[in-house]
């Protein structure tokens, strides 16, 4: 998989964290730098950790599914993308009524926004992709996108968050289709 695809996957994965960051931006007290950085650090860290865990799990399963791994990659990325689109269209809770700097809340949000990255890590294992560079890219992209999401949340609010998550879902579906077509045609 080329670097552009990895960056696009990282951006697609970061879209749900971006949407949640926008919402967190509404809830975080202004001028509190510690709370301001806590969200993107947690989101970026979990988004980097989960594909590593998925990759390790996928490595142990790879020899059993090598003949149809492209279908699994397509299915996982499509499922994640469709779920992101569905979830973003069904959300109605805005403005937020939570404290994103609370450790338990932040842990829950970090896990929820990075579960998709676990599945992508499994996909990377099936495609024999070395995991270190993708993990670093995914973590950094998510950190910066979440950072800007908080800033945008302070200014724009909930309206933009749903649209961004839909775009992220479409990107993941497109990459899944690309993987499938490359394998079937090449």
N, C-alpha and C. Protein backbone atom coordinates (compact mmCIF):
# COMPACT_ATOMS: atom_id res chain seq x y z
N UNK A 1 0.85 -1.17 0.00
CA UNK A 1 0.00 0.00 0.00
C UNK A 1 0.90 1.23 0.00
N UNK A 2 0.56 2.19 -0.83
CA UNK A 2 1.39 3.39 -0.95
C UNK A 2 1.11 4.39 0.18
N UNK A 3 2.00 5.35 0.29
CA UNK A 3 1.93 6.34 1.37
C UNK A 3 0.66 7.19 1.27
N UNK A 4 0.24 7.51 0.06
CA UNK A 4 -0.97 8.32 -0.11
C UNK A 4 -2.18 7.58 0.43
N UNK A 5 -2.27 6.28 0.16
CA UNK A 5 -3.40 5.49 0.69
C UNK A 5 -3.38 5.45 2.21
N UNK A 6 -2.19 5.31 2.78
CA UNK A 6 -2.08 5.28 4.24
C UNK A 6 -2.52 6.63 4.84
N UNK A 7 -2.11 7.71 4.22
CA UNK A 7 -2.51 9.04 4.70
C UNK A 7 -4.03 9.21 4.56
N UNK A 8 -4.59 8.75 3.44
CA UNK A 8 -6.04 8.85 3.26
C UNK A 8 -6.78 7.99 4.29
N UNK A 9 -6.26 6.82 4.58
CA UNK A 9 -6.86 5.98 5.63
C UNK A 9 -6.78 6.71 6.97
N UNK A 10 -5.63 7.29 7.26
CA UNK A 10 -5.46 8.03 8.51
C UNK A 10 -6.47 9.18 8.61
N UNK A 11 -6.65 9.88 7.51
CA UNK A 11 -7.62 10.98 7.50
C UNK A 11 -9.03 10.43 7.69
N UNK A 12 -9.36 9.36 6.98
CA UNK A 12 -10.68 8.75 7.12
C UNK A 12 -10.94 8.29 8.55
N UNK A 13 -9.95 7.66 9.15
CA UNK A 13 -10.10 7.19 10.54
C UNK A 13 -10.24 8.36 11.50
N UNK A 14 -9.57 9.45 11.20
CA UNK A 14 -9.59 10.60 12.11
C UNK A 14 -10.89 11.40 12.03
N UNK A 15 -11.73 11.13 11.06
CA UNK A 15 -12.94 11.94 10.89
C UNK A 15 -13.92 11.80 12.05
N UNK A 16 -14.06 10.61 12.60
CA UNK A 16 -14.95 10.49 13.76
C UNK A 16 -14.34 11.20 14.97
N UNK A 17 -13.00 11.10 15.13
CA UNK A 17 -12.34 11.84 16.20
C UNK A 17 -12.48 13.34 15.97
N UNK A 18 -12.42 13.77 14.71
CA UNK A 18 -12.60 15.18 14.37
C UNK A 18 -14.00 15.65 14.75
N UNK A 19 -15.00 14.86 14.38
CA UNK A 19 -16.38 15.23 14.69
C UNK A 19 -16.59 15.32 16.21
N UNK A 20 -16.03 14.35 16.95
CA UNK A 20 -16.16 14.39 18.41
C UNK A 20 -15.36 15.56 18.98
N UNK A 21 -14.21 15.86 18.38
CA UNK A 21 -13.40 17.00 18.84
C UNK A 21 -14.14 18.31 18.66
N UNK A 22 -14.88 18.42 17.57
CA UNK A 22 -15.68 19.63 17.38
C UNK A 22 -16.67 19.77 18.53
N UNK A 23 -17.31 18.67 18.87
CA UNK A 23 -18.25 18.68 19.98
C UNK A 23 -17.53 18.98 21.29
N UNK A 24 -16.34 18.40 21.48
CA UNK A 24 -15.56 18.68 22.69
C UNK A 24 -15.18 20.15 22.76
N UNK A 25 -14.89 20.74 21.61
CA UNK A 25 -14.55 22.16 21.57
C UNK A 25 -15.66 23.03 22.11
N UNK A 26 -16.90 22.60 21.93
CA UNK A 26 -18.03 23.34 22.48
C UNK A 26 -18.06 23.25 24.00
N UNK A 27 -17.59 22.13 24.54
CA UNK A 27 -17.73 21.87 25.97
C UNK A 27 -16.51 22.28 26.80
N UNK A 28 -15.34 22.38 26.18
CA UNK A 28 -14.12 22.71 26.93
C UNK A 28 -14.12 24.19 27.30
N UNK A 29 -13.73 24.45 28.53
CA UNK A 29 -13.65 25.83 29.01
C UNK A 29 -12.61 26.60 28.20
N UNK A 30 -12.91 27.83 27.84
CA UNK A 30 -11.94 28.61 27.07
C UNK A 30 -10.66 28.87 27.87
N UNK A 31 -9.56 28.95 27.18
CA UNK A 31 -8.25 29.32 27.75
C UNK A 31 -7.72 28.29 28.74
N UNK A 32 -8.13 27.06 28.68
CA UNK A 32 -7.57 26.01 29.53
C UNK A 32 -6.72 25.11 28.63
N UNK A 33 -5.41 25.43 28.52
CA UNK A 33 -4.53 24.74 27.57
C UNK A 33 -4.38 23.26 27.90
N UNK A 34 -4.36 22.91 29.17
CA UNK A 34 -4.21 21.50 29.55
C UNK A 34 -5.39 20.70 29.04
N UNK A 35 -6.59 21.17 29.27
CA UNK A 35 -7.78 20.48 28.79
C UNK A 35 -7.85 20.51 27.27
N UNK A 36 -7.38 21.59 26.71
CA UNK A 36 -7.41 21.77 25.26
C UNK A 36 -6.54 20.71 24.57
N UNK A 37 -5.37 20.39 25.13
CA UNK A 37 -4.46 19.41 24.53
C UNK A 37 -4.78 17.97 24.93
N UNK A 38 -5.50 17.79 26.01
CA UNK A 38 -5.79 16.45 26.52
C UNK A 38 -6.58 15.62 25.51
N UNK A 39 -7.54 16.22 24.86
CA UNK A 39 -8.39 15.50 23.90
C UNK A 39 -7.59 15.02 22.69
N UNK A 40 -6.87 15.91 21.97
CA UNK A 40 -6.13 15.41 20.82
C UNK A 40 -5.02 14.42 21.17
N UNK A 41 -4.40 14.59 22.33
CA UNK A 41 -3.38 13.63 22.75
C UNK A 41 -4.00 12.25 22.98
N UNK A 42 -5.14 12.21 23.65
CA UNK A 42 -5.80 10.93 23.90
C UNK A 42 -6.29 10.31 22.59
N UNK A 43 -6.94 11.11 21.74
CA UNK A 43 -7.45 10.57 20.48
C UNK A 43 -6.32 10.07 19.59
N UNK A 44 -5.25 10.86 19.46
CA UNK A 44 -4.10 10.45 18.64
C UNK A 44 -3.42 9.21 19.20
N UNK A 45 -3.27 9.15 20.51
CA UNK A 45 -2.63 7.99 21.13
C UNK A 45 -3.43 6.71 20.93
N UNK A 46 -4.71 6.77 21.18
CA UNK A 46 -5.54 5.58 21.00
C UNK A 46 -5.65 5.20 19.53
N UNK A 47 -5.73 6.20 18.66
CA UNK A 47 -5.84 5.92 17.23
C UNK A 47 -4.56 5.28 16.72
N UNK A 48 -3.43 5.53 17.34
CA UNK A 48 -2.17 4.88 16.97
C UNK A 48 -2.05 3.49 17.59
N UNK A 49 -2.54 3.33 18.80
CA UNK A 49 -2.44 2.05 19.51
C UNK A 49 -3.34 0.97 18.91
N UNK A 50 -4.54 1.33 18.54
CA UNK A 50 -5.51 0.34 18.08
C UNK A 50 -5.10 -0.38 16.80
N UNK A 51 -4.55 0.29 15.77
CA UNK A 51 -4.14 -0.48 14.60
C UNK A 51 -2.98 -1.42 14.91
N UNK A 52 -2.15 -1.04 15.86
CA UNK A 52 -1.06 -1.93 16.27
C UNK A 52 -1.62 -3.21 16.89
N UNK A 53 -2.60 -3.05 17.76
CA UNK A 53 -3.25 -4.22 18.37
C UNK A 53 -3.94 -5.06 17.31
N UNK A 54 -4.65 -4.41 16.39
CA UNK A 54 -5.32 -5.13 15.30
C UNK A 54 -4.33 -5.84 14.40
N UNK A 55 -3.21 -5.19 14.11
CA UNK A 55 -2.19 -5.78 13.26
C UNK A 55 -1.60 -7.04 13.91
N UNK A 56 -1.34 -6.95 15.21
CA UNK A 56 -0.81 -8.12 15.92
C UNK A 56 -1.80 -9.28 15.89
N UNK A 57 -3.08 -8.98 16.07
CA UNK A 57 -4.11 -10.03 16.00
C UNK A 57 -4.20 -10.58 14.58
N UNK A 58 -4.15 -9.70 13.60
CA UNK A 58 -4.25 -10.13 12.20
C UNK A 58 -3.08 -10.97 11.76
N UNK A 59 -1.90 -10.70 12.28
CA UNK A 59 -0.72 -11.50 11.95
C UNK A 59 -0.90 -12.97 12.32
N UNK A 60 -1.57 -13.20 13.44
CA UNK A 60 -1.77 -14.59 13.87
C UNK A 60 -2.84 -15.30 13.04
N UNK A 61 -3.72 -14.55 12.40
CA UNK A 61 -4.79 -15.16 11.59
C UNK A 61 -4.46 -15.22 10.10
N UNK A 62 -3.43 -14.51 9.69
CA UNK A 62 -3.17 -14.30 8.27
C UNK A 62 -3.04 -15.58 7.45
N UNK A 63 -2.34 -16.56 7.93
CA UNK A 63 -2.11 -17.77 7.12
C UNK A 63 -3.41 -18.55 6.85
N UNK A 64 -4.43 -18.31 7.66
CA UNK A 64 -5.70 -19.01 7.47
C UNK A 64 -6.61 -18.34 6.45
N UNK A 65 -6.36 -17.07 6.17
CA UNK A 65 -7.31 -16.34 5.32
C UNK A 65 -6.66 -15.64 4.13
N UNK A 66 -5.45 -16.05 3.77
CA UNK A 66 -4.72 -15.38 2.71
C UNK A 66 -5.46 -15.37 1.37
N UNK A 67 -6.28 -16.36 1.12
CA UNK A 67 -6.97 -16.45 -0.18
C UNK A 67 -8.13 -15.47 -0.31
N UNK A 68 -8.64 -14.96 0.77
CA UNK A 68 -9.77 -14.04 0.69
C UNK A 68 -9.58 -12.79 1.56
N UNK A 69 -8.33 -12.44 1.88
CA UNK A 69 -8.06 -11.29 2.73
C UNK A 69 -8.51 -9.96 2.11
N UNK A 70 -8.45 -9.87 0.79
CA UNK A 70 -8.89 -8.63 0.12
C UNK A 70 -10.39 -8.41 0.32
N UNK A 71 -11.15 -9.50 0.37
CA UNK A 71 -12.59 -9.36 0.64
C UNK A 71 -12.84 -8.91 2.07
N UNK A 72 -12.01 -9.42 2.99
CA UNK A 72 -12.14 -9.01 4.40
C UNK A 72 -11.78 -7.53 4.54
N UNK A 73 -10.69 -7.11 3.89
CA UNK A 73 -10.29 -5.70 3.95
C UNK A 73 -11.41 -4.82 3.38
N UNK A 74 -11.94 -5.21 2.24
CA UNK A 74 -13.04 -4.46 1.63
C UNK A 74 -14.25 -4.42 2.57
N UNK A 75 -14.60 -5.58 3.12
CA UNK A 75 -15.76 -5.66 4.02
C UNK A 75 -15.60 -4.82 5.27
N UNK A 76 -14.42 -4.89 5.90
CA UNK A 76 -14.18 -4.13 7.12
C UNK A 76 -14.22 -2.62 6.85
N UNK A 77 -13.51 -2.18 5.81
CA UNK A 77 -13.48 -0.75 5.53
C UNK A 77 -14.86 -0.24 5.10
N UNK A 78 -15.58 -1.03 4.34
CA UNK A 78 -16.93 -0.63 3.93
C UNK A 78 -17.86 -0.57 5.15
N UNK A 79 -17.78 -1.58 6.00
CA UNK A 79 -18.60 -1.59 7.21
C UNK A 79 -18.31 -0.37 8.07
N UNK A 80 -17.03 -0.08 8.28
CA UNK A 80 -16.65 1.08 9.10
C UNK A 80 -17.18 2.36 8.46
N UNK A 81 -16.99 2.49 7.16
CA UNK A 81 -17.45 3.69 6.46
C UNK A 81 -18.96 3.87 6.53
N UNK A 82 -19.70 2.79 6.29
CA UNK A 82 -21.17 2.86 6.35
C UNK A 82 -21.62 3.19 7.77
N UNK A 83 -20.97 2.56 8.76
CA UNK A 83 -21.32 2.84 10.15
C UNK A 83 -21.05 4.29 10.53
N UNK A 84 -19.92 4.83 10.05
CA UNK A 84 -19.63 6.23 10.33
C UNK A 84 -20.70 7.14 9.73
N UNK A 85 -21.10 6.85 8.50
CA UNK A 85 -22.12 7.66 7.84
C UNK A 85 -23.44 7.55 8.59
N UNK A 86 -23.83 6.33 8.91
CA UNK A 86 -25.10 6.11 9.63
C UNK A 86 -25.10 6.82 10.98
N UNK A 87 -24.01 6.63 11.74
CA UNK A 87 -23.94 7.24 13.07
C UNK A 87 -23.98 8.76 13.00
N UNK A 88 -23.32 9.31 12.01
CA UNK A 88 -23.30 10.77 11.92
C UNK A 88 -24.68 11.31 11.55
N UNK A 89 -25.42 10.58 10.75
CA UNK A 89 -26.74 11.05 10.34
C UNK A 89 -27.80 10.83 11.43
N UNK A 90 -27.53 9.91 12.36
CA UNK A 90 -28.52 9.63 13.40
C UNK A 90 -28.27 10.39 14.70
N UNK A 91 -27.17 11.11 14.81
CA UNK A 91 -26.86 11.87 16.02
C UNK A 91 -27.77 13.09 16.12
N UNK A 92 -28.24 13.33 17.34
CA UNK A 92 -29.09 14.49 17.55
C UNK A 92 -28.66 15.32 18.75
N UNK A 93 -27.68 14.85 19.52
CA UNK A 93 -27.32 15.51 20.77
C UNK A 93 -26.28 16.62 20.58
N UNK A 94 -26.74 17.83 20.43
CA UNK A 94 -25.88 18.97 20.29
C UNK A 94 -26.63 20.19 20.80
N UNK A 95 -26.07 21.01 21.61
CA UNK A 95 -24.71 21.00 22.12
C UNK A 95 -24.48 19.90 23.15
N UNK A 96 -23.21 19.56 23.38
CA UNK A 96 -22.91 18.44 24.26
C UNK A 96 -23.21 18.75 25.73
N UNK A 97 -23.51 17.70 26.45
CA UNK A 97 -23.74 17.83 27.88
C UNK A 97 -22.79 16.88 28.62
N UNK A 98 -21.49 17.08 28.42
CA UNK A 98 -20.48 16.25 29.06
C UNK A 98 -19.22 17.07 29.23
N UNK A 99 -18.30 16.55 30.06
CA UNK A 99 -17.01 17.21 30.27
C UNK A 99 -15.94 16.34 29.63
N UNK A 100 -15.44 16.73 28.45
CA UNK A 100 -14.46 15.89 27.76
C UNK A 100 -13.11 15.82 28.46
N UNK A 101 -12.88 16.64 29.46
CA UNK A 101 -11.62 16.56 30.18
C UNK A 101 -11.67 15.56 31.34
N UNK A 102 -12.88 15.05 31.65
CA UNK A 102 -13.02 14.01 32.66
C UNK A 102 -12.35 12.75 32.13
N UNK A 103 -11.48 12.14 32.94
CA UNK A 103 -10.69 11.00 32.46
C UNK A 103 -11.54 9.83 31.98
N UNK A 104 -12.63 9.51 32.68
CA UNK A 104 -13.48 8.40 32.26
C UNK A 104 -14.20 8.72 30.95
N UNK A 105 -14.68 9.94 30.83
CA UNK A 105 -15.35 10.36 29.59
C UNK A 105 -14.36 10.32 28.44
N UNK A 106 -13.17 10.86 28.66
CA UNK A 106 -12.16 10.91 27.61
C UNK A 106 -11.71 9.50 27.20
N UNK A 107 -11.58 8.61 28.16
CA UNK A 107 -11.23 7.22 27.84
C UNK A 107 -12.31 6.59 26.97
N UNK A 108 -13.55 6.77 27.34
CA UNK A 108 -14.65 6.22 26.54
C UNK A 108 -14.69 6.80 25.14
N UNK A 109 -14.51 8.12 25.03
CA UNK A 109 -14.50 8.75 23.71
C UNK A 109 -13.30 8.28 22.88
N UNK A 110 -12.15 8.13 23.52
CA UNK A 110 -10.95 7.68 22.80
C UNK A 110 -11.12 6.28 22.26
N UNK A 111 -11.67 5.39 23.06
CA UNK A 111 -11.90 4.02 22.60
C UNK A 111 -12.94 4.00 21.50
N UNK A 112 -14.04 4.73 21.71
CA UNK A 112 -15.12 4.73 20.72
C UNK A 112 -14.66 5.26 19.37
N UNK A 113 -13.81 6.29 19.37
CA UNK A 113 -13.37 6.85 18.09
C UNK A 113 -12.22 6.08 17.47
N UNK A 114 -11.65 5.11 18.19
CA UNK A 114 -10.52 4.37 17.62
C UNK A 114 -10.80 2.89 17.36
N UNK A 115 -12.00 2.42 17.64
CA UNK A 115 -12.34 1.02 17.35
C UNK A 115 -12.15 0.72 15.87
N UNK A 116 -12.50 1.68 15.02
CA UNK A 116 -12.33 1.50 13.58
C UNK A 116 -10.87 1.24 13.22
N UNK A 117 -9.96 1.89 13.93
CA UNK A 117 -8.54 1.72 13.67
C UNK A 117 -8.08 0.30 14.01
N UNK A 118 -8.73 -0.34 14.94
CA UNK A 118 -8.42 -1.74 15.26
C UNK A 118 -8.68 -2.62 14.03
N UNK A 119 -9.82 -2.42 13.41
CA UNK A 119 -10.16 -3.19 12.20
C UNK A 119 -9.20 -2.87 11.06
N UNK A 120 -8.79 -1.63 10.95
CA UNK A 120 -7.84 -1.26 9.90
C UNK A 120 -6.49 -1.93 10.17
N UNK A 121 -6.10 -2.04 11.42
CA UNK A 121 -4.86 -2.74 11.76
C UNK A 121 -4.91 -4.20 11.34
N UNK A 122 -6.06 -4.83 11.53
CA UNK A 122 -6.23 -6.21 11.06
C UNK A 122 -6.09 -6.26 9.54
N UNK A 123 -6.68 -5.30 8.86
CA UNK A 123 -6.58 -5.21 7.41
C UNK A 123 -5.13 -5.05 6.98
N UNK A 124 -4.37 -4.20 7.66
CA UNK A 124 -2.95 -4.03 7.33
C UNK A 124 -2.18 -5.34 7.47
N UNK A 125 -2.51 -6.13 8.48
CA UNK A 125 -1.84 -7.42 8.65
C UNK A 125 -2.15 -8.34 7.47
N UNK A 126 -3.41 -8.36 7.04
CA UNK A 126 -3.79 -9.21 5.92
C UNK A 126 -3.11 -8.79 4.62
N UNK A 127 -2.82 -7.51 4.50
CA UNK A 127 -2.19 -6.99 3.29
C UNK A 127 -0.66 -6.96 3.39
N UNK A 128 -0.13 -7.54 4.47
CA UNK A 128 1.32 -7.60 4.71
C UNK A 128 1.99 -6.23 4.73
N UNK A 129 1.34 -5.28 5.36
CA UNK A 129 1.88 -3.92 5.48
C UNK A 129 2.66 -3.83 6.79
N UNK A 130 3.87 -3.31 6.71
CA UNK A 130 4.64 -3.06 7.94
C UNK A 130 3.91 -1.96 8.71
N UNK A 131 3.78 -2.13 10.01
CA UNK A 131 2.82 -1.33 10.78
C UNK A 131 3.39 -0.04 11.38
N UNK A 132 4.68 0.08 11.53
CA UNK A 132 5.25 1.22 12.26
C UNK A 132 4.91 2.56 11.61
N UNK A 133 5.17 2.72 10.33
CA UNK A 133 4.89 3.98 9.64
C UNK A 133 3.39 4.30 9.66
N UNK A 134 2.50 3.34 9.32
CA UNK A 134 1.07 3.66 9.42
C UNK A 134 0.62 4.07 10.82
N UNK A 135 1.15 3.43 11.85
CA UNK A 135 0.78 3.78 13.23
C UNK A 135 1.18 5.22 13.54
N UNK A 136 2.39 5.58 13.15
CA UNK A 136 2.86 6.95 13.39
C UNK A 136 2.01 7.95 12.62
N UNK A 137 1.75 7.66 11.35
CA UNK A 137 0.94 8.56 10.52
C UNK A 137 -0.47 8.69 11.08
N UNK A 138 -1.09 7.57 11.42
CA UNK A 138 -2.46 7.60 11.95
C UNK A 138 -2.52 8.39 13.26
N UNK A 139 -1.56 8.18 14.15
CA UNK A 139 -1.54 8.90 15.42
C UNK A 139 -1.35 10.40 15.23
N UNK A 140 -0.39 10.79 14.38
CA UNK A 140 -0.13 12.21 14.16
C UNK A 140 -1.29 12.90 13.43
N UNK A 141 -1.81 12.25 12.40
CA UNK A 141 -2.93 12.84 11.66
C UNK A 141 -4.11 13.03 12.60
N UNK A 142 -4.41 12.03 13.41
CA UNK A 142 -5.53 12.15 14.34
C UNK A 142 -5.29 13.25 15.37
N UNK A 143 -4.06 13.35 15.89
CA UNK A 143 -3.75 14.42 16.84
C UNK A 143 -4.04 15.79 16.23
N UNK A 144 -3.47 16.04 15.04
CA UNK A 144 -3.63 17.36 14.44
C UNK A 144 -5.07 17.64 14.01
N UNK A 145 -5.73 16.64 13.47
CA UNK A 145 -7.12 16.84 13.07
C UNK A 145 -8.00 17.07 14.29
N UNK A 146 -7.75 16.35 15.37
CA UNK A 146 -8.52 16.56 16.61
C UNK A 146 -8.23 17.93 17.21
N UNK A 147 -6.98 18.34 17.15
CA UNK A 147 -6.58 19.66 17.64
C UNK A 147 -7.36 20.75 16.91
N UNK A 148 -7.39 20.66 15.59
CA UNK A 148 -8.13 21.64 14.81
C UNK A 148 -9.63 21.49 14.99
N UNK A 149 -10.09 20.28 15.27
CA UNK A 149 -11.50 20.06 15.55
C UNK A 149 -11.97 20.82 16.77
N UNK A 150 -11.14 20.85 17.79
CA UNK A 150 -11.50 21.60 19.01
C UNK A 150 -11.57 23.09 18.70
N UNK A 151 -10.62 23.58 17.93
CA UNK A 151 -10.63 25.00 17.55
C UNK A 151 -11.89 25.31 16.74
N UNK A 152 -12.20 24.46 15.78
CA UNK A 152 -13.39 24.67 14.95
C UNK A 152 -14.65 24.58 15.80
N UNK A 153 -14.68 23.63 16.74
CA UNK A 153 -15.83 23.48 17.62
C UNK A 153 -16.13 24.74 18.41
N UNK A 154 -15.08 25.43 18.80
CA UNK A 154 -15.27 26.69 19.52
C UNK A 154 -15.95 27.73 18.63
N UNK A 155 -15.72 27.62 17.33
CA UNK A 155 -16.22 28.65 16.42
C UNK A 155 -17.47 28.24 15.64
N UNK A 156 -17.53 26.99 15.17
CA UNK A 156 -18.60 26.59 14.25
C UNK A 156 -19.64 25.70 14.91
N UNK A 157 -19.19 24.78 15.75
CA UNK A 157 -20.13 23.95 16.48
C UNK A 157 -20.52 22.66 15.79
N UNK A 158 -21.70 22.18 16.12
CA UNK A 158 -22.16 20.85 15.73
C UNK A 158 -22.49 20.69 14.25
N UNK A 159 -22.83 21.76 13.59
CA UNK A 159 -23.26 21.67 12.21
C UNK A 159 -22.23 20.98 11.33
N UNK A 160 -20.96 21.34 11.48
CA UNK A 160 -19.91 20.82 10.62
C UNK A 160 -19.52 19.38 10.97
N UNK A 161 -19.59 19.00 12.24
CA UNK A 161 -19.13 17.69 12.69
C UNK A 161 -19.76 16.53 11.95
N UNK A 162 -21.07 16.56 11.73
CA UNK A 162 -21.77 15.47 11.06
C UNK A 162 -21.33 15.34 9.61
N UNK A 163 -21.16 16.44 8.93
CA UNK A 163 -20.77 16.42 7.52
C UNK A 163 -19.36 15.84 7.35
N UNK A 164 -18.47 16.18 8.26
CA UNK A 164 -17.10 15.68 8.20
C UNK A 164 -17.08 14.16 8.41
N UNK A 165 -17.87 13.67 9.32
CA UNK A 165 -17.91 12.23 9.58
C UNK A 165 -18.45 11.47 8.38
N UNK A 166 -19.42 12.03 7.68
CA UNK A 166 -19.93 11.42 6.45
C UNK A 166 -18.81 11.34 5.41
N UNK A 167 -18.05 12.41 5.25
CA UNK A 167 -16.94 12.41 4.29
C UNK A 167 -15.90 11.36 4.65
N UNK A 168 -15.58 11.22 5.93
CA UNK A 168 -14.63 10.19 6.37
C UNK A 168 -15.12 8.80 6.04
N UNK A 169 -16.41 8.55 6.22
CA UNK A 169 -16.99 7.25 5.87
C UNK A 169 -16.88 6.96 4.39
N UNK A 170 -17.13 7.97 3.57
CA UNK A 170 -17.02 7.81 2.12
C UNK A 170 -15.58 7.50 1.71
N UNK A 171 -14.61 8.16 2.34
CA UNK A 171 -13.20 7.89 2.05
C UNK A 171 -12.85 6.44 2.37
N UNK A 172 -13.28 5.95 3.53
CA UNK A 172 -12.96 4.56 3.90
C UNK A 172 -13.60 3.56 2.95
N UNK A 173 -14.83 3.79 2.54
CA UNK A 173 -15.49 2.91 1.58
C UNK A 173 -14.71 2.91 0.26
N UNK A 174 -14.29 4.09 -0.18
CA UNK A 174 -13.52 4.20 -1.42
C UNK A 174 -12.20 3.45 -1.36
N UNK A 175 -11.51 3.52 -0.24
CA UNK A 175 -10.24 2.80 -0.10
C UNK A 175 -10.49 1.29 -0.07
N UNK A 176 -11.54 0.85 0.60
CA UNK A 176 -11.89 -0.57 0.59
C UNK A 176 -12.16 -1.07 -0.82
N UNK A 177 -12.88 -0.30 -1.59
CA UNK A 177 -13.17 -0.65 -2.98
C UNK A 177 -11.89 -0.68 -3.81
N UNK A 178 -10.99 0.26 -3.57
CA UNK A 178 -9.71 0.29 -4.27
C UNK A 178 -8.90 -0.98 -3.99
N UNK A 179 -8.84 -1.39 -2.73
CA UNK A 179 -8.11 -2.61 -2.37
C UNK A 179 -8.70 -3.82 -3.08
N UNK A 180 -10.02 -3.93 -3.07
CA UNK A 180 -10.69 -5.05 -3.73
C UNK A 180 -10.41 -5.06 -5.22
N UNK A 181 -10.58 -3.93 -5.87
CA UNK A 181 -10.37 -3.87 -7.31
C UNK A 181 -8.92 -4.13 -7.70
N UNK A 182 -7.96 -3.62 -6.92
CA UNK A 182 -6.55 -3.88 -7.20
C UNK A 182 -6.27 -5.37 -7.15
N UNK A 183 -6.84 -6.05 -6.19
CA UNK A 183 -6.60 -7.50 -6.06
C UNK A 183 -7.29 -8.29 -7.16
N UNK A 184 -8.52 -7.94 -7.47
CA UNK A 184 -9.28 -8.67 -8.49
C UNK A 184 -8.76 -8.41 -9.90
N UNK A 185 -8.29 -7.20 -10.16
CA UNK A 185 -7.85 -6.84 -11.51
C UNK A 185 -6.35 -6.99 -11.71
N UNK A 186 -5.60 -7.12 -10.61
CA UNK A 186 -4.16 -7.13 -10.79
C UNK A 186 -3.51 -8.29 -10.20
